[in-house]
N, C-alpha and C. Protein backbone atom coordinates (compact mmCIF):
# COMPACT_ATOMS: atom_id res chain seq x y z
N UNK A 1 -20.15 1.63 10.49
CA UNK A 1 -19.01 0.71 10.59
C UNK A 1 -19.43 -0.53 11.38
N UNK A 2 -19.12 -1.67 10.86
CA UNK A 2 -19.46 -2.93 11.50
C UNK A 2 -18.50 -3.20 12.65
N UNK A 3 -19.03 -3.23 13.87
CA UNK A 3 -18.20 -3.44 15.06
C UNK A 3 -17.53 -4.80 15.03
N UNK A 4 -18.24 -5.79 14.49
CA UNK A 4 -17.67 -7.14 14.42
C UNK A 4 -16.42 -7.16 13.56
N UNK A 5 -16.49 -6.48 12.41
CA UNK A 5 -15.33 -6.42 11.52
C UNK A 5 -14.16 -5.71 12.20
N UNK A 6 -14.46 -4.65 12.95
CA UNK A 6 -13.42 -3.93 13.68
C UNK A 6 -12.72 -4.85 14.68
N UNK A 7 -13.50 -5.61 15.43
CA UNK A 7 -12.94 -6.50 16.45
C UNK A 7 -12.12 -7.61 15.78
N UNK A 8 -12.63 -8.17 14.69
CA UNK A 8 -11.91 -9.22 13.98
C UNK A 8 -10.57 -8.71 13.47
N UNK A 9 -10.57 -7.50 12.92
CA UNK A 9 -9.33 -6.93 12.38
C UNK A 9 -8.30 -6.71 13.48
N UNK A 10 -8.73 -6.17 14.60
CA UNK A 10 -7.80 -5.96 15.73
C UNK A 10 -7.24 -7.30 16.20
N UNK A 11 -8.10 -8.30 16.28
CA UNK A 11 -7.65 -9.64 16.71
C UNK A 11 -6.63 -10.20 15.72
N UNK A 12 -6.90 -10.04 14.43
CA UNK A 12 -5.97 -10.52 13.40
C UNK A 12 -4.62 -9.84 13.52
N UNK A 13 -4.61 -8.53 13.72
CA UNK A 13 -3.35 -7.79 13.79
C UNK A 13 -2.55 -8.17 15.02
N UNK A 14 -3.22 -8.32 16.15
CA UNK A 14 -2.51 -8.72 17.37
C UNK A 14 -1.94 -10.12 17.21
N UNK A 15 -2.76 -11.03 16.69
CA UNK A 15 -2.30 -12.41 16.47
C UNK A 15 -1.13 -12.45 15.49
N UNK A 16 -1.21 -11.60 14.46
CA UNK A 16 -0.16 -11.54 13.47
C UNK A 16 1.17 -11.12 14.09
N UNK A 17 1.14 -10.10 14.93
CA UNK A 17 2.37 -9.62 15.57
C UNK A 17 2.96 -10.67 16.50
N UNK A 18 2.09 -11.33 17.25
CA UNK A 18 2.57 -12.38 18.16
C UNK A 18 3.19 -13.52 17.38
N UNK A 19 2.53 -13.96 16.32
CA UNK A 19 3.05 -15.05 15.49
C UNK A 19 4.38 -14.66 14.86
N UNK A 20 4.42 -13.43 14.33
CA UNK A 20 5.63 -12.97 13.65
C UNK A 20 6.82 -12.89 14.61
N UNK A 21 6.61 -12.35 15.79
CA UNK A 21 7.72 -12.11 16.71
C UNK A 21 8.19 -13.39 17.39
N UNK A 22 7.24 -14.22 17.82
CA UNK A 22 7.60 -15.34 18.69
C UNK A 22 7.62 -16.70 18.01
N UNK A 23 6.92 -16.86 16.90
CA UNK A 23 6.74 -18.22 16.37
C UNK A 23 7.18 -18.40 14.92
N UNK A 24 7.82 -17.41 14.34
CA UNK A 24 8.37 -17.58 13.00
C UNK A 24 9.85 -17.97 13.10
N UNK A 25 10.34 -18.75 12.16
CA UNK A 25 11.74 -19.20 12.24
C UNK A 25 12.72 -18.05 12.03
N UNK A 26 13.87 -18.17 12.68
CA UNK A 26 14.93 -17.19 12.53
C UNK A 26 15.84 -17.64 11.39
N UNK A 27 15.94 -16.84 10.34
CA UNK A 27 16.79 -17.16 9.19
C UNK A 27 18.23 -16.80 9.57
N UNK A 28 19.17 -17.75 9.49
CA UNK A 28 20.52 -17.53 10.02
C UNK A 28 21.24 -16.30 9.49
N UNK A 29 21.18 -16.06 8.19
CA UNK A 29 21.97 -14.95 7.64
C UNK A 29 21.27 -13.60 7.74
N UNK A 30 20.00 -13.60 8.24
CA UNK A 30 19.27 -12.34 8.35
C UNK A 30 18.82 -12.04 9.78
N UNK A 31 18.59 -13.10 10.56
CA UNK A 31 18.15 -12.99 11.94
C UNK A 31 16.90 -12.10 12.05
N UNK A 32 16.91 -11.12 12.98
CA UNK A 32 15.69 -10.36 13.24
C UNK A 32 15.25 -9.51 12.06
N UNK A 33 16.19 -9.11 11.23
CA UNK A 33 15.83 -8.28 10.08
C UNK A 33 14.87 -9.01 9.15
N UNK A 34 14.97 -10.33 9.09
CA UNK A 34 14.11 -11.09 8.18
C UNK A 34 12.66 -10.98 8.56
N UNK A 35 12.37 -10.75 9.86
CA UNK A 35 10.98 -10.67 10.29
C UNK A 35 10.27 -9.44 9.72
N UNK A 36 11.03 -8.47 9.25
CA UNK A 36 10.44 -7.33 8.56
C UNK A 36 9.69 -7.80 7.31
N UNK A 37 10.11 -8.94 6.75
CA UNK A 37 9.45 -9.51 5.57
C UNK A 37 7.96 -9.67 5.80
N UNK A 38 7.56 -10.05 7.03
CA UNK A 38 6.15 -10.28 7.32
C UNK A 38 5.36 -8.98 7.41
N UNK A 39 6.07 -7.85 7.49
CA UNK A 39 5.43 -6.54 7.46
C UNK A 39 5.57 -5.89 6.09
N UNK A 40 6.78 -5.90 5.57
CA UNK A 40 7.11 -5.16 4.36
C UNK A 40 6.26 -5.59 3.15
N UNK A 41 6.22 -6.87 2.88
CA UNK A 41 5.51 -7.34 1.69
C UNK A 41 3.98 -7.21 1.86
N UNK A 42 3.37 -7.61 2.98
CA UNK A 42 1.93 -7.39 3.13
C UNK A 42 1.52 -5.92 3.12
N UNK A 43 2.37 -5.05 3.67
CA UNK A 43 2.07 -3.62 3.62
C UNK A 43 2.09 -3.14 2.17
N UNK A 44 3.08 -3.59 1.40
CA UNK A 44 3.16 -3.22 -0.01
C UNK A 44 1.92 -3.70 -0.75
N UNK A 45 1.54 -4.95 -0.55
CA UNK A 45 0.35 -5.51 -1.19
C UNK A 45 -0.88 -4.67 -0.85
N UNK A 46 -1.06 -4.34 0.43
CA UNK A 46 -2.24 -3.59 0.86
C UNK A 46 -2.25 -2.19 0.27
N UNK A 47 -1.07 -1.56 0.21
CA UNK A 47 -0.98 -0.24 -0.40
C UNK A 47 -1.33 -0.27 -1.88
N UNK A 48 -0.83 -1.27 -2.58
CA UNK A 48 -1.13 -1.38 -4.01
C UNK A 48 -2.61 -1.70 -4.25
N UNK A 49 -3.19 -2.48 -3.34
CA UNK A 49 -4.62 -2.76 -3.45
C UNK A 49 -5.42 -1.47 -3.26
N UNK A 50 -5.00 -0.63 -2.33
CA UNK A 50 -5.67 0.66 -2.12
C UNK A 50 -5.56 1.52 -3.38
N UNK A 51 -4.40 1.50 -4.03
CA UNK A 51 -4.23 2.27 -5.26
C UNK A 51 -5.07 1.71 -6.40
N UNK A 52 -5.29 0.41 -6.40
CA UNK A 52 -6.19 -0.19 -7.38
C UNK A 52 -7.61 0.36 -7.20
N UNK A 53 -8.01 0.50 -5.93
CA UNK A 53 -9.33 1.07 -5.64
C UNK A 53 -9.40 2.52 -6.10
N UNK A 54 -8.29 3.25 -5.94
CA UNK A 54 -8.23 4.63 -6.44
C UNK A 54 -8.50 4.65 -7.95
N UNK A 55 -7.85 3.76 -8.67
CA UNK A 55 -8.02 3.71 -10.11
C UNK A 55 -9.48 3.40 -10.50
N UNK A 56 -10.05 2.38 -9.88
CA UNK A 56 -11.42 1.99 -10.19
C UNK A 56 -12.39 3.12 -9.84
N UNK A 57 -12.16 3.75 -8.69
CA UNK A 57 -13.01 4.86 -8.28
C UNK A 57 -12.89 6.03 -9.25
N UNK A 58 -11.67 6.26 -9.74
CA UNK A 58 -11.46 7.33 -10.71
C UNK A 58 -12.23 7.09 -11.99
N UNK A 59 -12.19 5.86 -12.46
CA UNK A 59 -12.95 5.50 -13.67
C UNK A 59 -14.45 5.70 -13.44
N UNK A 60 -14.92 5.26 -12.28
CA UNK A 60 -16.35 5.40 -11.95
C UNK A 60 -16.74 6.87 -11.85
N UNK A 61 -15.84 7.70 -11.29
CA UNK A 61 -16.17 9.11 -11.18
C UNK A 61 -16.23 9.77 -12.55
N UNK A 62 -15.26 9.45 -13.40
CA UNK A 62 -15.27 10.05 -14.75
C UNK A 62 -16.54 9.67 -15.50
N UNK A 63 -17.06 8.50 -15.24
CA UNK A 63 -18.25 8.03 -15.95
C UNK A 63 -19.53 8.61 -15.37
N UNK A 64 -19.59 8.75 -14.03
CA UNK A 64 -20.85 9.14 -13.38
C UNK A 64 -20.86 10.56 -12.82
N UNK A 65 -19.67 11.12 -12.56
CA UNK A 65 -19.54 12.42 -11.88
C UNK A 65 -20.18 12.41 -10.49
N UNK A 66 -20.29 11.23 -9.91
CA UNK A 66 -20.84 11.08 -8.56
C UNK A 66 -19.72 11.23 -7.54
N UNK A 67 -19.85 12.19 -6.62
CA UNK A 67 -18.78 12.46 -5.66
C UNK A 67 -18.57 11.31 -4.67
N UNK A 68 -19.49 10.39 -4.64
CA UNK A 68 -19.27 9.20 -3.81
C UNK A 68 -17.99 8.49 -4.21
N UNK A 69 -17.76 8.39 -5.50
CA UNK A 69 -16.56 7.71 -5.99
C UNK A 69 -15.30 8.54 -5.74
N UNK A 70 -15.45 9.85 -5.71
CA UNK A 70 -14.30 10.69 -5.37
C UNK A 70 -13.91 10.48 -3.91
N UNK A 71 -14.90 10.35 -3.04
CA UNK A 71 -14.60 10.09 -1.62
C UNK A 71 -13.88 8.76 -1.46
N UNK A 72 -14.36 7.75 -2.17
CA UNK A 72 -13.70 6.45 -2.10
C UNK A 72 -12.26 6.55 -2.61
N UNK A 73 -12.09 7.27 -3.72
CA UNK A 73 -10.76 7.44 -4.29
C UNK A 73 -9.82 8.18 -3.36
N UNK A 74 -10.30 9.27 -2.76
CA UNK A 74 -9.47 10.05 -1.85
C UNK A 74 -9.09 9.23 -0.62
N UNK A 75 -10.07 8.53 -0.05
CA UNK A 75 -9.79 7.70 1.13
C UNK A 75 -8.75 6.63 0.80
N UNK A 76 -8.91 5.99 -0.35
CA UNK A 76 -7.98 4.94 -0.77
C UNK A 76 -6.59 5.52 -1.04
N UNK A 77 -6.55 6.71 -1.63
CA UNK A 77 -5.26 7.35 -1.92
C UNK A 77 -4.51 7.66 -0.64
N UNK A 78 -5.21 8.17 0.36
CA UNK A 78 -4.56 8.48 1.63
C UNK A 78 -4.00 7.22 2.28
N UNK A 79 -4.79 6.17 2.30
CA UNK A 79 -4.35 4.93 2.93
C UNK A 79 -3.23 4.29 2.13
N UNK A 80 -3.37 4.26 0.81
CA UNK A 80 -2.31 3.70 -0.03
C UNK A 80 -1.00 4.42 0.15
N UNK A 81 -1.05 5.74 0.30
CA UNK A 81 0.17 6.52 0.45
C UNK A 81 0.80 6.30 1.82
N UNK A 82 -0.01 6.14 2.85
CA UNK A 82 0.53 5.78 4.17
C UNK A 82 1.25 4.44 4.09
N UNK A 83 0.62 3.48 3.45
CA UNK A 83 1.22 2.15 3.34
C UNK A 83 2.49 2.18 2.48
N UNK A 84 2.47 2.97 1.41
CA UNK A 84 3.66 3.06 0.57
C UNK A 84 4.81 3.73 1.31
N UNK A 85 4.49 4.74 2.13
CA UNK A 85 5.53 5.35 2.97
C UNK A 85 6.12 4.32 3.91
N UNK A 86 5.28 3.46 4.48
CA UNK A 86 5.77 2.40 5.37
C UNK A 86 6.63 1.39 4.61
N UNK A 87 6.29 1.14 3.35
CA UNK A 87 7.13 0.27 2.52
C UNK A 87 8.52 0.87 2.36
N UNK A 88 8.57 2.18 2.11
CA UNK A 88 9.84 2.86 1.92
C UNK A 88 10.64 2.99 3.22
N UNK A 89 9.96 2.82 4.36
CA UNK A 89 10.64 2.84 5.66
C UNK A 89 11.11 1.44 6.05
N UNK A 90 10.21 0.45 5.92
CA UNK A 90 10.58 -0.91 6.33
C UNK A 90 11.58 -1.54 5.38
N UNK A 91 11.53 -1.15 4.11
CA UNK A 91 12.47 -1.69 3.14
C UNK A 91 13.92 -1.46 3.53
N UNK A 92 14.32 -0.22 3.82
CA UNK A 92 15.70 0.02 4.25
C UNK A 92 16.08 -0.69 5.55
N UNK A 93 15.10 -0.84 6.47
CA UNK A 93 15.40 -1.57 7.71
C UNK A 93 15.76 -3.01 7.39
N UNK A 94 15.01 -3.60 6.48
CA UNK A 94 15.29 -4.98 6.06
C UNK A 94 16.59 -5.05 5.26
N UNK A 95 16.82 -4.03 4.43
CA UNK A 95 17.94 -4.08 3.50
C UNK A 95 19.30 -3.87 4.16
N UNK A 96 19.34 -3.07 5.23
CA UNK A 96 20.64 -2.67 5.79
C UNK A 96 21.54 -3.85 6.14
N UNK A 97 21.06 -4.86 6.88
CA UNK A 97 21.97 -5.97 7.20
C UNK A 97 22.19 -6.93 6.03
N UNK A 98 21.33 -6.85 5.01
CA UNK A 98 21.43 -7.80 3.89
C UNK A 98 22.26 -7.21 2.75
N UNK A 99 21.97 -5.96 2.39
CA UNK A 99 22.70 -5.30 1.30
C UNK A 99 23.92 -4.54 1.80
N UNK A 100 23.96 -4.29 3.12
CA UNK A 100 25.06 -3.50 3.68
C UNK A 100 24.80 -2.01 3.64
N UNK A 101 23.64 -1.61 3.12
CA UNK A 101 23.25 -0.20 3.07
C UNK A 101 21.73 -0.14 2.97
N UNK A 102 21.12 0.94 3.47
CA UNK A 102 19.65 1.00 3.50
C UNK A 102 19.00 1.26 2.15
N UNK A 103 19.73 1.85 1.22
CA UNK A 103 19.10 2.22 -0.06
C UNK A 103 20.09 2.01 -1.20
N UNK A 104 19.62 1.42 -2.27
CA UNK A 104 20.39 1.36 -3.51
C UNK A 104 19.46 1.79 -4.64
N UNK A 105 20.02 2.41 -5.65
CA UNK A 105 19.19 2.90 -6.76
C UNK A 105 18.96 1.78 -7.76
N UNK A 106 18.04 0.89 -7.39
CA UNK A 106 17.72 -0.22 -8.26
C UNK A 106 16.25 -0.12 -8.67
N UNK A 107 15.84 -0.85 -9.71
CA UNK A 107 14.54 -0.60 -10.36
C UNK A 107 13.33 -0.64 -9.45
N UNK A 108 13.20 -1.65 -8.60
CA UNK A 108 11.97 -1.75 -7.80
C UNK A 108 11.88 -0.61 -6.79
N UNK A 109 12.99 -0.24 -6.20
CA UNK A 109 12.96 0.87 -5.25
C UNK A 109 12.64 2.18 -5.96
N UNK A 110 13.24 2.39 -7.11
CA UNK A 110 13.02 3.63 -7.85
C UNK A 110 11.57 3.75 -8.29
N UNK A 111 11.00 2.69 -8.83
CA UNK A 111 9.62 2.75 -9.30
C UNK A 111 8.62 2.91 -8.15
N UNK A 112 8.95 2.34 -6.99
CA UNK A 112 8.10 2.54 -5.81
C UNK A 112 8.17 3.98 -5.33
N UNK A 113 9.37 4.55 -5.33
CA UNK A 113 9.53 5.95 -4.95
C UNK A 113 8.79 6.86 -5.92
N UNK A 114 8.85 6.54 -7.21
CA UNK A 114 8.12 7.33 -8.21
C UNK A 114 6.62 7.32 -7.91
N UNK A 115 6.08 6.15 -7.57
CA UNK A 115 4.66 6.03 -7.24
C UNK A 115 4.32 6.93 -6.05
N UNK A 116 5.16 6.90 -5.02
CA UNK A 116 4.93 7.73 -3.84
C UNK A 116 4.93 9.21 -4.22
N UNK A 117 5.87 9.62 -5.06
CA UNK A 117 5.97 11.03 -5.46
C UNK A 117 4.78 11.47 -6.32
N UNK A 118 4.28 10.55 -7.15
CA UNK A 118 3.08 10.87 -7.93
C UNK A 118 1.93 11.21 -6.99
N UNK A 119 1.81 10.44 -5.92
CA UNK A 119 0.72 10.70 -4.98
C UNK A 119 0.96 11.92 -4.11
N UNK A 120 2.21 12.31 -3.93
CA UNK A 120 2.48 13.61 -3.32
C UNK A 120 1.86 14.69 -4.20
N UNK A 121 2.07 14.57 -5.51
CA UNK A 121 1.46 15.50 -6.45
C UNK A 121 -0.06 15.44 -6.40
N UNK A 122 -0.61 14.24 -6.23
CA UNK A 122 -2.06 14.05 -6.12
C UNK A 122 -2.61 14.89 -4.98
N UNK A 123 -1.95 14.85 -3.83
CA UNK A 123 -2.46 15.58 -2.67
C UNK A 123 -2.20 17.08 -2.78
N UNK A 124 -1.15 17.45 -3.50
CA UNK A 124 -0.95 18.87 -3.78
C UNK A 124 -2.11 19.41 -4.60
N UNK A 125 -2.53 18.65 -5.62
CA UNK A 125 -3.67 19.06 -6.44
C UNK A 125 -4.94 19.17 -5.62
N UNK A 126 -5.06 18.36 -4.60
CA UNK A 126 -6.24 18.41 -3.73
C UNK A 126 -6.28 19.68 -2.90
N UNK A 127 -5.13 20.35 -2.75
CA UNK A 127 -5.05 21.44 -1.78
C UNK A 127 -4.57 22.76 -2.38
N UNK A 128 -4.76 22.94 -3.68
CA UNK A 128 -4.32 24.19 -4.29
C UNK A 128 -5.49 25.12 -4.59
N UNK A 129 -6.66 24.78 -4.08
CA UNK A 129 -7.78 25.69 -4.21
C UNK A 129 -8.71 25.44 -5.37
N UNK A 130 -8.58 24.30 -6.05
CA UNK A 130 -9.52 23.96 -7.10
C UNK A 130 -10.90 23.72 -6.49
N UNK A 131 -11.95 24.08 -7.23
CA UNK A 131 -13.27 23.79 -6.68
C UNK A 131 -13.50 22.27 -6.68
N UNK A 132 -14.44 21.85 -5.89
CA UNK A 132 -14.59 20.44 -5.52
C UNK A 132 -14.63 19.50 -6.72
N UNK A 133 -15.48 19.80 -7.68
CA UNK A 133 -15.63 18.89 -8.81
C UNK A 133 -14.40 18.88 -9.71
N UNK A 134 -13.73 20.03 -9.86
CA UNK A 134 -12.52 20.06 -10.69
C UNK A 134 -11.40 19.27 -10.02
N UNK A 135 -11.27 19.40 -8.70
CA UNK A 135 -10.26 18.61 -7.98
C UNK A 135 -10.54 17.13 -8.12
N UNK A 136 -11.82 16.76 -8.04
CA UNK A 136 -12.20 15.35 -8.19
C UNK A 136 -11.84 14.84 -9.57
N UNK A 137 -12.08 15.65 -10.60
CA UNK A 137 -11.79 15.26 -11.98
C UNK A 137 -10.28 15.07 -12.18
N UNK A 138 -9.50 16.06 -11.77
CA UNK A 138 -8.05 16.00 -11.96
C UNK A 138 -7.46 14.82 -11.21
N UNK A 139 -7.90 14.62 -9.97
CA UNK A 139 -7.33 13.54 -9.15
C UNK A 139 -7.77 12.16 -9.64
N UNK A 140 -8.95 12.08 -10.22
CA UNK A 140 -9.38 10.81 -10.82
C UNK A 140 -8.43 10.42 -11.94
N UNK A 141 -8.06 11.40 -12.76
CA UNK A 141 -7.15 11.13 -13.88
C UNK A 141 -5.77 10.76 -13.36
N UNK A 142 -5.28 11.48 -12.35
CA UNK A 142 -3.97 11.16 -11.77
C UNK A 142 -3.97 9.75 -11.19
N UNK A 143 -5.04 9.40 -10.48
CA UNK A 143 -5.12 8.07 -9.87
C UNK A 143 -5.11 6.95 -10.89
N UNK A 144 -5.76 7.18 -12.03
CA UNK A 144 -5.77 6.18 -13.10
C UNK A 144 -4.38 6.03 -13.71
N UNK A 145 -3.74 7.17 -14.00
CA UNK A 145 -2.41 7.13 -14.60
C UNK A 145 -1.39 6.54 -13.63
N UNK A 146 -1.49 6.91 -12.34
CA UNK A 146 -0.52 6.44 -11.33
C UNK A 146 -0.52 4.92 -11.22
N UNK A 147 -1.69 4.32 -11.39
CA UNK A 147 -1.76 2.86 -11.23
C UNK A 147 -0.92 2.13 -12.26
N UNK A 148 -0.65 2.77 -13.38
CA UNK A 148 0.17 2.13 -14.42
C UNK A 148 1.58 1.82 -13.92
N UNK A 149 2.00 2.52 -12.87
CA UNK A 149 3.34 2.28 -12.32
C UNK A 149 3.40 0.98 -11.53
N UNK A 150 2.27 0.50 -11.03
CA UNK A 150 2.29 -0.68 -10.15
C UNK A 150 2.68 -1.95 -10.90
N UNK A 151 2.14 -2.24 -12.09
CA UNK A 151 2.66 -3.41 -12.83
C UNK A 151 4.14 -3.28 -13.14
N UNK A 152 4.61 -2.04 -13.35
CA UNK A 152 6.03 -1.84 -13.60
C UNK A 152 6.85 -2.21 -12.35
N UNK A 153 6.33 -1.85 -11.18
CA UNK A 153 7.03 -2.20 -9.94
C UNK A 153 7.17 -3.71 -9.82
N UNK A 154 6.08 -4.42 -10.06
CA UNK A 154 6.12 -5.88 -9.93
C UNK A 154 7.03 -6.52 -10.98
N UNK A 155 7.01 -5.99 -12.18
CA UNK A 155 7.77 -6.59 -13.27
C UNK A 155 9.19 -6.05 -13.38
N UNK A 156 9.54 -5.09 -12.53
CA UNK A 156 10.84 -4.42 -12.67
C UNK A 156 12.02 -5.36 -12.54
N UNK A 157 11.85 -6.45 -11.78
CA UNK A 157 12.97 -7.40 -11.63
C UNK A 157 13.22 -8.16 -12.93
N UNK A 158 12.28 -8.09 -13.86
CA UNK A 158 12.46 -8.76 -15.15
C UNK A 158 12.84 -7.79 -16.27
N UNK A 159 12.61 -6.48 -16.02
CA UNK A 159 12.84 -5.49 -17.06
C UNK A 159 14.31 -5.15 -17.25
N UNK A 160 15.06 -5.16 -16.16
CA UNK A 160 16.43 -4.70 -16.22
C UNK A 160 17.41 -5.85 -16.00
N UNK A 161 18.64 -5.64 -16.36
CA UNK A 161 19.66 -6.69 -16.27
C UNK A 161 19.86 -7.13 -14.83
N UNK A 162 20.18 -8.40 -14.65
CA UNK A 162 20.31 -8.97 -13.31
C UNK A 162 21.38 -8.27 -12.49
N UNK A 163 22.43 -7.75 -13.13
CA UNK A 163 23.52 -7.16 -12.38
C UNK A 163 23.15 -5.85 -11.69
N UNK A 164 22.04 -5.20 -12.09
CA UNK A 164 21.63 -3.98 -11.40
C UNK A 164 20.47 -4.23 -10.46
N UNK A 165 20.11 -5.49 -10.27
CA UNK A 165 19.00 -5.83 -9.39
C UNK A 165 19.51 -6.13 -7.99
N UNK A 166 18.74 -5.67 -7.00
CA UNK A 166 18.98 -6.07 -5.61
C UNK A 166 17.81 -6.88 -5.08
N UNK A 167 16.61 -6.60 -5.60
CA UNK A 167 15.44 -7.37 -5.19
C UNK A 167 15.43 -8.71 -5.91
N UNK A 168 15.21 -9.79 -5.17
CA UNK A 168 15.00 -11.07 -5.84
C UNK A 168 13.58 -11.18 -6.35
N UNK A 169 13.35 -12.10 -7.28
CA UNK A 169 11.98 -12.40 -7.66
C UNK A 169 11.31 -13.13 -6.51
N UNK A 170 10.06 -12.74 -6.24
CA UNK A 170 9.35 -13.37 -5.14
C UNK A 170 8.95 -14.78 -5.52
N UNK A 171 9.43 -15.73 -4.75
CA UNK A 171 9.03 -17.11 -4.96
C UNK A 171 8.84 -17.78 -3.61
N UNK A 172 7.59 -17.85 -3.17
CA UNK A 172 7.34 -18.35 -1.83
C UNK A 172 7.71 -19.82 -1.70
N UNK A 173 7.73 -20.55 -2.82
CA UNK A 173 8.12 -21.95 -2.76
C UNK A 173 9.60 -22.11 -2.44
N UNK A 174 10.35 -21.01 -2.55
CA UNK A 174 11.78 -21.07 -2.25
C UNK A 174 12.08 -20.61 -0.83
N UNK A 175 11.05 -20.19 -0.11
CA UNK A 175 11.27 -19.73 1.26
C UNK A 175 11.48 -20.90 2.20
N UNK A 176 12.26 -20.69 3.27
CA UNK A 176 12.46 -21.75 4.26
C UNK A 176 11.15 -22.22 4.86
N UNK A 177 11.15 -23.44 5.33
CA UNK A 177 9.95 -24.04 5.93
C UNK A 177 9.47 -23.19 7.11
N UNK A 178 8.17 -23.02 7.22
CA UNK A 178 7.59 -22.28 8.33
C UNK A 178 7.36 -20.81 8.04
N UNK A 179 7.73 -20.34 6.87
CA UNK A 179 7.57 -18.92 6.54
C UNK A 179 6.26 -18.65 5.78
N UNK A 180 5.84 -19.59 4.94
CA UNK A 180 4.68 -19.35 4.08
C UNK A 180 3.41 -19.08 4.86
N UNK A 181 3.07 -19.92 5.84
CA UNK A 181 1.81 -19.75 6.57
C UNK A 181 1.73 -18.43 7.32
N UNK A 182 2.74 -18.05 8.11
CA UNK A 182 2.65 -16.74 8.76
C UNK A 182 2.64 -15.58 7.78
N UNK A 183 3.30 -15.75 6.64
CA UNK A 183 3.28 -14.70 5.62
C UNK A 183 1.86 -14.51 5.09
N UNK A 184 1.18 -15.60 4.77
CA UNK A 184 -0.19 -15.51 4.25
C UNK A 184 -1.13 -14.94 5.30
N UNK A 185 -0.91 -15.30 6.56
CA UNK A 185 -1.74 -14.76 7.64
C UNK A 185 -1.51 -13.25 7.78
N UNK A 186 -0.27 -12.83 7.64
CA UNK A 186 0.04 -11.40 7.70
C UNK A 186 -0.59 -10.67 6.52
N UNK A 187 -0.59 -11.30 5.36
CA UNK A 187 -1.22 -10.72 4.18
C UNK A 187 -2.71 -10.49 4.44
N UNK A 188 -3.36 -11.50 5.02
CA UNK A 188 -4.78 -11.38 5.36
C UNK A 188 -5.00 -10.27 6.39
N UNK A 189 -4.14 -10.21 7.39
CA UNK A 189 -4.30 -9.23 8.47
C UNK A 189 -4.19 -7.80 7.96
N UNK A 190 -3.17 -7.55 7.13
CA UNK A 190 -2.98 -6.19 6.64
C UNK A 190 -4.03 -5.81 5.60
N UNK A 191 -4.51 -6.78 4.84
CA UNK A 191 -5.61 -6.49 3.91
C UNK A 191 -6.86 -6.09 4.68
N UNK A 192 -7.13 -6.82 5.76
CA UNK A 192 -8.28 -6.50 6.61
C UNK A 192 -8.11 -5.11 7.23
N UNK A 193 -6.90 -4.79 7.68
CA UNK A 193 -6.63 -3.48 8.27
C UNK A 193 -6.85 -2.37 7.24
N UNK A 194 -6.38 -2.59 6.02
CA UNK A 194 -6.55 -1.59 4.98
C UNK A 194 -8.02 -1.33 4.70
N UNK A 195 -8.81 -2.39 4.62
CA UNK A 195 -10.25 -2.25 4.35
C UNK A 195 -10.93 -1.52 5.50
N UNK A 196 -10.55 -1.86 6.73
CA UNK A 196 -11.13 -1.18 7.90
C UNK A 196 -10.82 0.32 7.86
N UNK A 197 -9.56 0.66 7.61
CA UNK A 197 -9.17 2.07 7.51
C UNK A 197 -9.93 2.78 6.40
N UNK A 198 -10.12 2.08 5.29
CA UNK A 198 -10.83 2.65 4.16
C UNK A 198 -12.28 2.97 4.51
N UNK A 199 -12.94 2.04 5.14
CA UNK A 199 -14.34 2.25 5.52
C UNK A 199 -14.49 3.41 6.50
N UNK A 200 -13.58 3.48 7.47
CA UNK A 200 -13.62 4.57 8.45
C UNK A 200 -13.39 5.92 7.77
N UNK A 201 -12.40 5.98 6.88
CA UNK A 201 -12.08 7.24 6.22
C UNK A 201 -13.21 7.68 5.29
N UNK A 202 -13.84 6.75 4.60
CA UNK A 202 -14.97 7.11 3.74
C UNK A 202 -16.09 7.76 4.55
N UNK A 203 -16.35 7.20 5.73
CA UNK A 203 -17.38 7.78 6.60
C UNK A 203 -17.02 9.21 7.01
N UNK A 204 -15.75 9.43 7.33
CA UNK A 204 -15.31 10.78 7.71
C UNK A 204 -15.50 11.76 6.54
N UNK A 205 -15.09 11.34 5.34
CA UNK A 205 -15.22 12.21 4.17
C UNK A 205 -16.67 12.46 3.80
N UNK A 206 -17.50 11.46 4.00
CA UNK A 206 -18.93 11.63 3.71
C UNK A 206 -19.54 12.68 4.63
N UNK A 207 -19.21 12.62 5.92
CA UNK A 207 -19.73 13.61 6.87
C UNK A 207 -19.23 15.00 6.53
N UNK A 208 -17.98 15.10 6.09
CA UNK A 208 -17.43 16.40 5.71
C UNK A 208 -18.15 16.95 4.48
N UNK A 209 -18.44 16.10 3.51
CA UNK A 209 -19.16 16.55 2.32
C UNK A 209 -20.58 16.99 2.67
N UNK A 210 -21.20 16.31 3.61
CA UNK A 210 -22.55 16.70 4.04
C UNK A 210 -22.50 18.08 4.70
N UNK A 211 -21.49 18.30 5.54
CA UNK A 211 -21.34 19.59 6.20
C UNK A 211 -21.08 20.71 5.18
N UNK A 212 -20.32 20.37 4.13
CA UNK A 212 -20.02 21.36 3.09
C UNK A 212 -21.09 21.40 2.00
N UNK A 213 -22.13 20.57 2.18
CA UNK A 213 -23.26 20.50 1.25
C UNK A 213 -22.87 19.98 -0.12
N UNK A 214 -21.91 19.04 -0.12
CA UNK A 214 -21.61 18.29 -1.34
C UNK A 214 -22.14 16.88 -1.14
N UNK A 215 -22.80 16.32 -2.11
CA UNK A 215 -23.30 14.95 -2.00
C UNK A 215 -23.01 14.22 -3.29
């Protein structure tokens, strides 16, 4: 693990929190709840990026049968699922003062929840006693199929009628002045954090495979 990258990531995250809390504008109709935006959307982006890595790793594993790609896929799946869980937690916090309730059964929330549940199944398959290579094969396929839900999540605001939508279409050009720059910085910070977590987890899984004599 590169110590420099670790230090840079920690610095980015601390700077991001300070900027978000103290130096971002307060939106009148949302007040403090709006600041969740700087966490919720970058966390979602980072989680979906992790799931993209799961998909690519799954394809590589199916082609090569190299357990290196299974380790990358498993590490990415764990991190993506942590981030997706945080999306499902921060979303209701943001939504409560805006929608008047923490959860509504609307397309983007439902499709995100479906993605999370698919990965619950992914981890169940990892722990039902399949031998190593069979678990890697099954989970590679699940990871590839699961990624198909992510374009649906992004496009869900266009798929269904406007009257059943609660999520607006994301348009940063419509955001109040002073929001875009801290948002992009938060996006960078959480992407860096996701990559750092991924690298650390891959190292842990590699050591475990060496101990179990899988390479």
